[in-house]
């Protein structure tokens, strides 16, 4: 069970794939760059559908640390952040 993601910086047109069993954490992003992000969930039964792309732009500089952030399993198929 996990997530598979496709990350595509608009400036280069190349895609980077990442995968994780616990949650998405993508490092080595460039500052002030717009990325296109698509994800899908997978289990031992197979892959789910690939999401529609969303556009996200990284901040300039180092972001502040999140305070009081937690994730809690709500059901077998969902989490609350």
PDB file of N, CA and C in Angstrom:
ATOM      1  N   UNK A   1       0.843  -1.160   0.000  1.00  0.00           N
ATOM      2  CA  UNK A   1       0.000   0.000   0.000  1.00  0.00           C
ATOM      3  C   UNK A   1       0.893   1.229   0.000  1.00  0.00           C
ATOM      4  N   UNK A   2       0.581   2.218  -0.790  1.00  0.00           N
ATOM      5  CA  UNK A   2       1.372   3.427  -0.821  1.00  0.00           C
ATOM      6  C   UNK A   2       0.915   4.385  -1.891  1.00  0.00           C
ATOM      7  N   UNK A   3       1.778   5.334  -2.183  1.00  0.00           N
ATOM      8  CA  UNK A   3       1.513   6.349  -3.192  1.00  0.00           C
ATOM      9  C   UNK A   3       2.624   6.346  -4.222  1.00  0.00           C
ATOM     10  N   UNK A   4       2.259   6.623  -5.455  1.00  0.00           N
ATOM     11  CA  UNK A   4       3.218   6.822  -6.530  1.00  0.00           C
ATOM     12  C   UNK A   4       2.916   8.190  -7.095  1.00  0.00           C
ATOM     13  N   UNK A   5       3.935   9.008  -7.290  1.00  0.00           N
ATOM     14  CA  UNK A   5       3.708  10.357  -7.789  1.00  0.00           C
ATOM     15  C   UNK A   5       4.563  10.686  -8.982  1.00  0.00           C
ATOM     16  N   UNK A   6       4.083  11.580  -9.799  1.00  0.00           N
ATOM     17  CA  UNK A   6       4.831  12.127 -10.927  1.00  0.00           C
ATOM     18  C   UNK A   6       4.969  13.622 -10.703  1.00  0.00           C
ATOM     19  N   UNK A   7       6.184  14.097 -10.727  1.00  0.00           N
ATOM     20  CA  UNK A   7       6.477  15.497 -10.472  1.00  0.00           C
ATOM     21  C   UNK A   7       7.142  16.067 -11.714  1.00  0.00           C
ATOM     22  N   UNK A   8       6.586  17.121 -12.271  1.00  0.00           N
ATOM     23  CA  UNK A   8       7.084  17.675 -13.514  1.00  0.00           C
ATOM     24  C   UNK A   8       7.272  19.181 -13.375  1.00  0.00           C
ATOM     25  N   UNK A   9       8.538  19.644 -13.240  1.00  0.00           N
ATOM     26  CA  UNK A   9       8.744  21.093 -13.197  1.00  0.00           C
ATOM     27  C   UNK A   9       8.481  21.699 -14.569  1.00  0.00           C
ATOM     28  N   UNK A  10       7.700  22.754 -14.598  1.00  0.00           N
ATOM     29  CA  UNK A  10       7.299  23.348 -15.874  1.00  0.00           C
ATOM     30  C   UNK A  10       8.482  23.889 -16.675  1.00  0.00           C
ATOM     31  N   UNK A  11       9.556  24.254 -15.995  1.00  0.00           N
ATOM     32  CA  UNK A  11      10.703  24.845 -16.689  1.00  0.00           C
ATOM     33  C   UNK A  11      11.476  23.822 -17.515  1.00  0.00           C
ATOM     34  N   UNK A  12      11.505  22.543 -17.072  1.00  0.00           N
ATOM     35  CA  UNK A  12      12.339  21.563 -17.768  1.00  0.00           C
ATOM     36  C   UNK A  12      11.551  20.604 -18.636  1.00  0.00           C
ATOM     37  N   UNK A  13      10.295  20.342 -18.269  1.00  0.00           N
ATOM     38  CA  UNK A  13       9.499  19.395 -19.036  1.00  0.00           C
ATOM     39  C   UNK A  13       9.840  17.944 -18.753  1.00  0.00           C
ATOM     40  N   UNK A  14      10.745  17.665 -17.801  1.00  0.00           N
ATOM     41  CA  UNK A  14      11.082  16.291 -17.449  1.00  0.00           C
ATOM     42  C   UNK A  14      10.320  15.870 -16.200  1.00  0.00           C
ATOM     43  N   UNK A  15      10.000  14.590 -16.108  1.00  0.00           N
ATOM     44  CA  UNK A  15       9.247  14.075 -14.976  1.00  0.00           C
ATOM     45  C   UNK A  15      10.145  13.309 -14.022  1.00  0.00           C
ATOM     46  N   UNK A  16       9.839  13.417 -12.735  1.00  0.00           N
ATOM     47  CA  UNK A  16      10.496  12.641 -11.699  1.00  0.00           C
ATOM     48  C   UNK A  16       9.442  11.790 -11.025  1.00  0.00           C
ATOM     49  N   UNK A  17       9.709  10.498 -10.878  1.00  0.00           N
ATOM     50  CA  UNK A  17       8.782   9.620 -10.191  1.00  0.00           C
ATOM     51  C   UNK A  17       9.258   9.399  -8.769  1.00  0.00           C
ATOM     52  N   UNK A  18       8.321   9.380  -7.816  1.00  0.00           N
ATOM     53  CA  UNK A  18       8.647   9.047  -6.430  1.00  0.00           C
ATOM     54  C   UNK A  18       7.585   8.112  -5.902  1.00  0.00           C
ATOM     55  N   UNK A  19       7.971   7.304  -4.967  1.00  0.00           N
ATOM     56  CA  UNK A  19       7.033   6.370  -4.375  1.00  0.00           C
ATOM     57  C   UNK A  19       7.325   6.225  -2.891  1.00  0.00           C
ATOM     58  N   UNK A  20       6.294   5.984  -2.125  1.00  0.00           N
ATOM     59  CA  UNK A  20       6.459   5.815  -0.694  1.00  0.00           C
ATOM     60  C   UNK A  20       5.306   5.009  -0.131  1.00  0.00           C
ATOM     61  N   UNK A  21       5.568   4.280   0.924  1.00  0.00           N
ATOM     62  CA  UNK A  21       4.524   3.497   1.564  1.00  0.00           C
ATOM     63  C   UNK A  21       3.842   4.266   2.679  1.00  0.00           C
ATOM     64  N   UNK A  22       4.445   5.350   3.148  1.00  0.00           N
ATOM     65  CA  UNK A  22       3.891   6.046   4.303  1.00  0.00           C
ATOM     66  C   UNK A  22       3.287   7.406   3.991  1.00  0.00           C
ATOM     67  N   UNK A  23       3.675   8.036   2.926  1.00  0.00           N
ATOM     68  CA  UNK A  23       3.148   9.347   2.573  1.00  0.00           C
ATOM     69  C   UNK A  23       4.145  10.085   1.703  1.00  0.00           C
ATOM     70  N   UNK A  24       3.669  11.062   0.966  1.00  0.00           N
ATOM     71  CA  UNK A  24       4.560  11.748   0.034  1.00  0.00           C
ATOM     72  C   UNK A  24       5.501  12.719   0.738  1.00  0.00           C
ATOM     73  N   UNK A  25       6.750  12.607   0.421  1.00  0.00           N
ATOM     74  CA  UNK A  25       7.737  13.596   0.844  1.00  0.00           C
ATOM     75  C   UNK A  25       8.715  13.731  -0.303  1.00  0.00           C
ATOM     76  N   UNK A  26       8.707  14.866  -0.935  1.00  0.00           N
ATOM     77  CA  UNK A  26       9.534  15.090  -2.104  1.00  0.00           C
ATOM     78  C   UNK A  26      10.602  16.103  -1.738  1.00  0.00           C
ATOM     79  N   UNK A  27      11.841  15.744  -1.943  1.00  0.00           N
ATOM     80  CA  UNK A  27      12.941  16.650  -1.629  1.00  0.00           C
ATOM     81  C   UNK A  27      13.605  17.166  -2.884  1.00  0.00           C
ATOM     82  N   UNK A  28      14.583  18.002  -2.707  1.00  0.00           N
ATOM     83  CA  UNK A  28      15.393  18.561  -3.793  1.00  0.00           C
ATOM     84  C   UNK A  28      14.579  19.377  -4.793  1.00  0.00           C
ATOM     85  N   UNK A  29      13.546  20.051  -4.307  1.00  0.00           N
ATOM     86  CA  UNK A  29      12.774  20.923  -5.194  1.00  0.00           C
ATOM     87  C   UNK A  29      13.494  22.263  -5.332  1.00  0.00           C
ATOM     88  N   UNK A  30      13.322  22.873  -6.473  1.00  0.00           N
ATOM     89  CA  UNK A  30      13.920  24.179  -6.729  1.00  0.00           C
ATOM     90  C   UNK A  30      13.022  25.276  -6.169  1.00  0.00           C
ATOM     91  N   UNK A  31      13.620  26.357  -5.730  1.00  0.00           N
ATOM     92  CA  UNK A  31      12.853  27.498  -5.222  1.00  0.00           C
ATOM     93  C   UNK A  31      12.157  28.231  -6.360  1.00  0.00           C
ATOM     94  N   UNK A  32      10.957  28.727  -6.070  1.00  0.00           N
ATOM     95  CA  UNK A  32      10.211  29.578  -6.993  1.00  0.00           C
ATOM     96  C   UNK A  32       9.990  28.922  -8.356  1.00  0.00           C
ATOM     97  N   UNK A  33       9.598  27.649  -8.349  1.00  0.00           N
ATOM     98  CA  UNK A  33       9.348  26.896  -9.578  1.00  0.00           C
ATOM     99  C   UNK A  33       7.942  26.301  -9.491  1.00  0.00           C
ATOM    100  N   UNK A  34       7.201  26.338 -10.590  1.00  0.00           N
ATOM    101  CA  UNK A  34       5.885  25.721 -10.645  1.00  0.00           C
ATOM    102  C   UNK A  34       6.039  24.265 -11.084  1.00  0.00           C
ATOM    103  N   UNK A  35       5.456  23.357 -10.302  1.00  0.00           N
ATOM    104  CA  UNK A  35       5.492  21.932 -10.603  1.00  0.00           C
ATOM    105  C   UNK A  35       4.088  21.428 -10.899  1.00  0.00           C
ATOM    106  N   UNK A  36       3.991  20.452 -11.786  1.00  0.00           N
ATOM    107  CA  UNK A  36       2.755  19.727 -12.027  1.00  0.00           C
ATOM    108  C   UNK A  36       2.871  18.413 -11.257  1.00  0.00           C
ATOM    109  N   UNK A  37       1.876  18.101 -10.436  1.00  0.00           N
ATOM    110  CA  UNK A  37       1.930  16.913  -9.585  1.00  0.00           C
ATOM    111  C   UNK A  37       0.730  16.022  -9.865  1.00  0.00           C
ATOM    112  N   UNK A  38       0.988  14.724 -10.055  1.00  0.00           N
ATOM    113  CA  UNK A  38      -0.063  13.716 -10.211  1.00  0.00           C
ATOM    114  C   UNK A  38       0.283  12.553  -9.292  1.00  0.00           C
ATOM    115  N   UNK A  39      -0.718  11.945  -8.692  1.00  0.00           N
ATOM    116  CA  UNK A  39      -0.474  10.816  -7.799  1.00  0.00           C
ATOM    117  C   UNK A  39      -1.467   9.692  -8.054  1.00  0.00           C
ATOM    118  N   UNK A  40      -1.085   8.500  -7.636  1.00  0.00           N
ATOM    119  CA  UNK A  40      -1.998   7.374  -7.609  1.00  0.00           C
ATOM    120  C   UNK A  40      -1.681   6.545  -6.378  1.00  0.00           C
ATOM    121  N   UNK A  41      -2.681   5.865  -5.871  1.00  0.00           N
ATOM    122  CA  UNK A  41      -2.499   4.948  -4.748  1.00  0.00           C
ATOM    123  C   UNK A  41      -2.341   3.542  -5.311  1.00  0.00           C
ATOM    124  N   UNK A  42      -1.561   2.720  -4.596  1.00  0.00           N
ATOM    125  CA  UNK A  42      -1.421   1.336  -5.024  1.00  0.00           C
ATOM    126  C   UNK A  42      -1.463   0.409  -3.822  1.00  0.00           C
ATOM    127  N   UNK A  43      -1.929  -0.806  -4.072  1.00  0.00           N
ATOM    128  CA  UNK A  43      -1.959  -1.867  -3.074  1.00  0.00           C
ATOM    129  C   UNK A  43      -1.496  -3.151  -3.754  1.00  0.00           C
ATOM    130  N   UNK A  44      -1.527  -4.235  -3.025  1.00  0.00           N
ATOM    131  CA  UNK A  44      -1.166  -5.529  -3.610  1.00  0.00           C
ATOM    132  C   UNK A  44      -2.167  -5.956  -4.692  1.00  0.00           C
ATOM    133  N   UNK A  45      -3.352  -5.345  -4.686  1.00  0.00           N
ATOM    134  CA  UNK A  45      -4.370  -5.650  -5.698  1.00  0.00           C
ATOM    135  C   UNK A  45      -4.139  -4.907  -7.008  1.00  0.00           C
ATOM    136  N   UNK A  46      -3.291  -3.872  -6.985  1.00  0.00           N
ATOM    137  CA  UNK A  46      -3.012  -3.119  -8.203  1.00  0.00           C
ATOM    138  C   UNK A  46      -3.015  -1.624  -7.959  1.00  0.00           C
ATOM    139  N   UNK A  47      -2.917  -0.892  -9.060  1.00  0.00           N
ATOM    140  CA  UNK A  47      -2.852   0.569  -9.017  1.00  0.00           C
ATOM    141  C   UNK A  47      -4.239   1.189  -9.143  1.00  0.00           C
ATOM    142  N   UNK A  48      -4.437   2.305  -8.459  1.00  0.00           N
ATOM    143  CA  UNK A  48      -5.637   3.103  -8.641  1.00  0.00           C
ATOM    144  C   UNK A  48      -5.437   4.036  -9.827  1.00  0.00           C
ATOM    145  N   UNK A  49      -6.437   4.840 -10.135  1.00  0.00           N
ATOM    146  CA  UNK A  49      -6.319   5.769 -11.266  1.00  0.00           C
ATOM    147  C   UNK A  49      -5.367   6.921 -10.936  1.00  0.00           C
ATOM    148  N   UNK A  50      -4.680   7.410 -11.936  1.00  0.00           N
ATOM    149  CA  UNK A  50      -3.801   8.565 -11.801  1.00  0.00           C
ATOM    150  C   UNK A  50      -4.659   9.819 -11.657  1.00  0.00           C
ATOM    151  N   UNK A  51      -4.312  10.665 -10.700  1.00  0.00           N
ATOM    152  CA  UNK A  51      -5.090  11.886 -10.465  1.00  0.00           C
ATOM    153  C   UNK A  51      -4.916  12.880 -11.605  1.00  0.00           C
ATOM    154  N   UNK A  52      -5.834  13.821 -11.668  1.00  0.00           N
ATOM    155  CA  UNK A  52      -5.635  14.953 -12.564  1.00  0.00           C
ATOM    156  C   UNK A  52      -4.444  15.750 -12.045  1.00  0.00           C
ATOM    157  N   UNK A  53      -3.712  16.417 -12.909  1.00  0.00           N
ATOM    158  CA  UNK A  53      -2.560  17.192 -12.432  1.00  0.00           C
ATOM    159  C   UNK A  53      -3.002  18.447 -11.678  1.00  0.00           C
ATOM    160  N   UNK A  54      -2.232  18.808 -10.673  1.00  0.00           N
ATOM    161  CA  UNK A  54      -2.406  20.095 -10.010  1.00  0.00           C
ATOM    162  C   UNK A  54      -1.101  20.867 -10.151  1.00  0.00           C
ATOM    163  N   UNK A  55      -1.200  22.162 -10.182  1.00  0.00           N
ATOM    164  CA  UNK A  55      -0.033  23.023 -10.300  1.00  0.00           C
ATOM    165  C   UNK A  55       0.285  23.593  -8.923  1.00  0.00           C
ATOM    166  N   UNK A  56       1.522  23.424  -8.487  1.00  0.00           N
ATOM    167  CA  UNK A  56       1.958  23.988  -7.216  1.00  0.00           C
ATOM    168  C   UNK A  56       3.270  24.727  -7.445  1.00  0.00           C
ATOM    169  N   UNK A  57       3.423  25.811  -6.721  1.00  0.00           N
ATOM    170  CA  UNK A  57       4.644  26.612  -6.859  1.00  0.00           C
ATOM    171  C   UNK A  57       5.389  26.606  -5.531  1.00  0.00           C
ATOM    172  N   UNK A  58       6.689  26.305  -5.588  1.00  0.00           N
ATOM    173  CA  UNK A  58       7.492  26.302  -4.374  1.00  0.00           C
ATOM    174  C   UNK A  58       7.754  27.733  -3.930  1.00  0.00           C
ATOM    175  N   UNK A  59       7.966  27.869  -2.626  1.00  0.00           N
ATOM    176  CA  UNK A  59       8.240  29.185  -2.060  1.00  0.00           C
ATOM    177  C   UNK A  59       9.704  29.562  -2.278  1.00  0.00           C
ATOM    178  N   UNK A  60       9.975  30.830  -2.108  1.00  0.00           N
ATOM    179  CA  UNK A  60      11.352  31.286  -2.116  1.00  0.00           C
ATOM    180  C   UNK A  60      11.877  31.151  -0.701  1.00  0.00           C
ATOM    181  N   UNK A  61      13.074  30.618  -0.560  1.00  0.00           N
ATOM    182  CA  UNK A  61      13.673  30.475   0.757  1.00  0.00           C
ATOM    183  C   UNK A  61      13.164  29.243   1.482  1.00  0.00           C
ATOM    184  N   UNK A  62      13.553  29.115   2.714  1.00  0.00           N
ATOM    185  CA  UNK A  62      13.214  27.953   3.523  1.00  0.00           C
ATOM    186  C   UNK A  62      11.907  28.216   4.265  1.00  0.00           C
ATOM    187  N   UNK A  63      10.915  27.301   4.110  1.00  0.00           N
ATOM    188  CA  UNK A  63       9.645  27.510   4.809  1.00  0.00           C
ATOM    189  C   UNK A  63       9.793  27.241   6.308  1.00  0.00           C
ATOM    190  N   UNK A  64       8.877  27.809   7.069  1.00  0.00           N
ATOM    191  CA  UNK A  64       8.878  27.590   8.509  1.00  0.00           C
ATOM    192  C   UNK A  64       8.469  26.159   8.816  1.00  0.00           C
ATOM    193  N   UNK A  65       8.910  25.650   9.966  1.00  0.00           N
ATOM    194  CA  UNK A  65       8.539  24.310  10.395  1.00  0.00           C
ATOM    195  C   UNK A  65       7.065  24.285  10.792  1.00  0.00           C
ATOM    196  N   UNK A  66       6.368  23.220  10.388  1.00  0.00           N
ATOM    197  CA  UNK A  66       4.964  23.065  10.755  1.00  0.00           C
ATOM    198  C   UNK A  66       4.853  22.762  12.237  1.00  0.00           C
ATOM    199  N   UNK A  67       3.884  23.372  12.884  1.00  0.00           N
ATOM    200  CA  UNK A  67       3.647  23.130  14.298  1.00  0.00           C
ATOM    201  C   UNK A  67       2.301  22.419  14.441  1.00  0.00           C
ATOM    202  N   UNK A  68       2.221  21.505  15.379  1.00  0.00           N
ATOM    203  CA  UNK A  68       0.983  20.795  15.697  1.00  0.00           C
ATOM    204  C   UNK A  68       0.390  20.073  14.491  1.00  0.00           C
ATOM    205  N   UNK A  69       1.233  19.508  13.640  1.00  0.00           N
ATOM    206  CA  UNK A  69       0.758  18.762  12.470  1.00  0.00           C
ATOM    207  C   UNK A  69       0.740  17.285  12.823  1.00  0.00           C
ATOM    208  N   UNK A  70      -0.385  16.623  12.532  1.00  0.00           N
ATOM    209  CA  UNK A  70      -0.461  15.197  12.785  1.00  0.00           C
ATOM    210  C   UNK A  70      -1.417  14.554  11.785  1.00  0.00           C
ATOM    211  N   UNK A  71      -1.243  13.262  11.606  1.00  0.00           N
ATOM    212  CA  UNK A  71      -2.114  12.484  10.727  1.00  0.00           C
ATOM    213  C   UNK A  71      -2.738  11.377  11.554  1.00  0.00           C
ATOM    214  N   UNK A  72      -4.019  11.132  11.313  1.00  0.00           N
ATOM    215  CA  UNK A  72      -4.747  10.123  12.074  1.00  0.00           C
ATOM    216  C   UNK A  72      -5.608   9.312  11.111  1.00  0.00           C
ATOM    217  N   UNK A  73      -5.519   7.979  11.229  1.00  0.00           N
ATOM    218  CA  UNK A  73      -6.343   7.110  10.382  1.00  0.00           C
ATOM    219  C   UNK A  73      -7.811   7.291  10.765  1.00  0.00           C
ATOM    220  N   UNK A  74      -8.626   7.666   9.783  1.00  0.00           N
ATOM    221  CA  UNK A  74     -10.055   7.848  10.040  1.00  0.00           C
ATOM    222  C   UNK A  74     -10.803   6.559   9.733  1.00  0.00           C
ATOM    223  N   UNK A  75     -10.503   5.989   8.590  1.00  0.00           N
ATOM    224  CA  UNK A  75     -11.058   4.695   8.197  1.00  0.00           C
ATOM    225  C   UNK A  75      -9.921   3.905   7.570  1.00  0.00           C
ATOM    226  N   UNK A  76     -10.252   2.726   7.100  1.00  0.00           N
ATOM    227  CA  UNK A  76      -9.255   1.898   6.427  1.00  0.00           C
ATOM    228  C   UNK A  76      -8.768   2.554   5.136  1.00  0.00           C
ATOM    229  N   UNK A  77      -9.558   3.476   4.597  1.00  0.00           N
ATOM    230  CA  UNK A  77      -9.250   4.079   3.303  1.00  0.00           C
ATOM    231  C   UNK A  77      -8.968   5.583   3.367  1.00  0.00           C
ATOM    232  N   UNK A  78      -8.897   6.184   4.567  1.00  0.00           N
ATOM    233  CA  UNK A  78      -8.707   7.633   4.622  1.00  0.00           C
ATOM    234  C   UNK A  78      -7.932   8.042   5.868  1.00  0.00           C
ATOM    235  N   UNK A  79      -7.329   9.207   5.786  1.00  0.00           N
ATOM    236  CA  UNK A  79      -6.616   9.790   6.916  1.00  0.00           C
ATOM    237  C   UNK A  79      -7.075  11.233   7.099  1.00  0.00           C
ATOM    238  N   UNK A  80      -6.966  11.717   8.321  1.00  0.00           N
ATOM    239  CA  UNK A  80      -7.280  13.096   8.640  1.00  0.00           C
ATOM    240  C   UNK A  80      -5.963  13.779   8.943  1.00  0.00           C
ATOM    241  N   UNK A  81      -5.698  14.916   8.309  1.00  0.00           N
ATOM    242  CA  UNK A  81      -4.471  15.667   8.538  1.00  0.00           C
ATOM    243  C   UNK A  81      -4.781  16.873   9.403  1.00  0.00           C
TER     244      UNK A  81
END
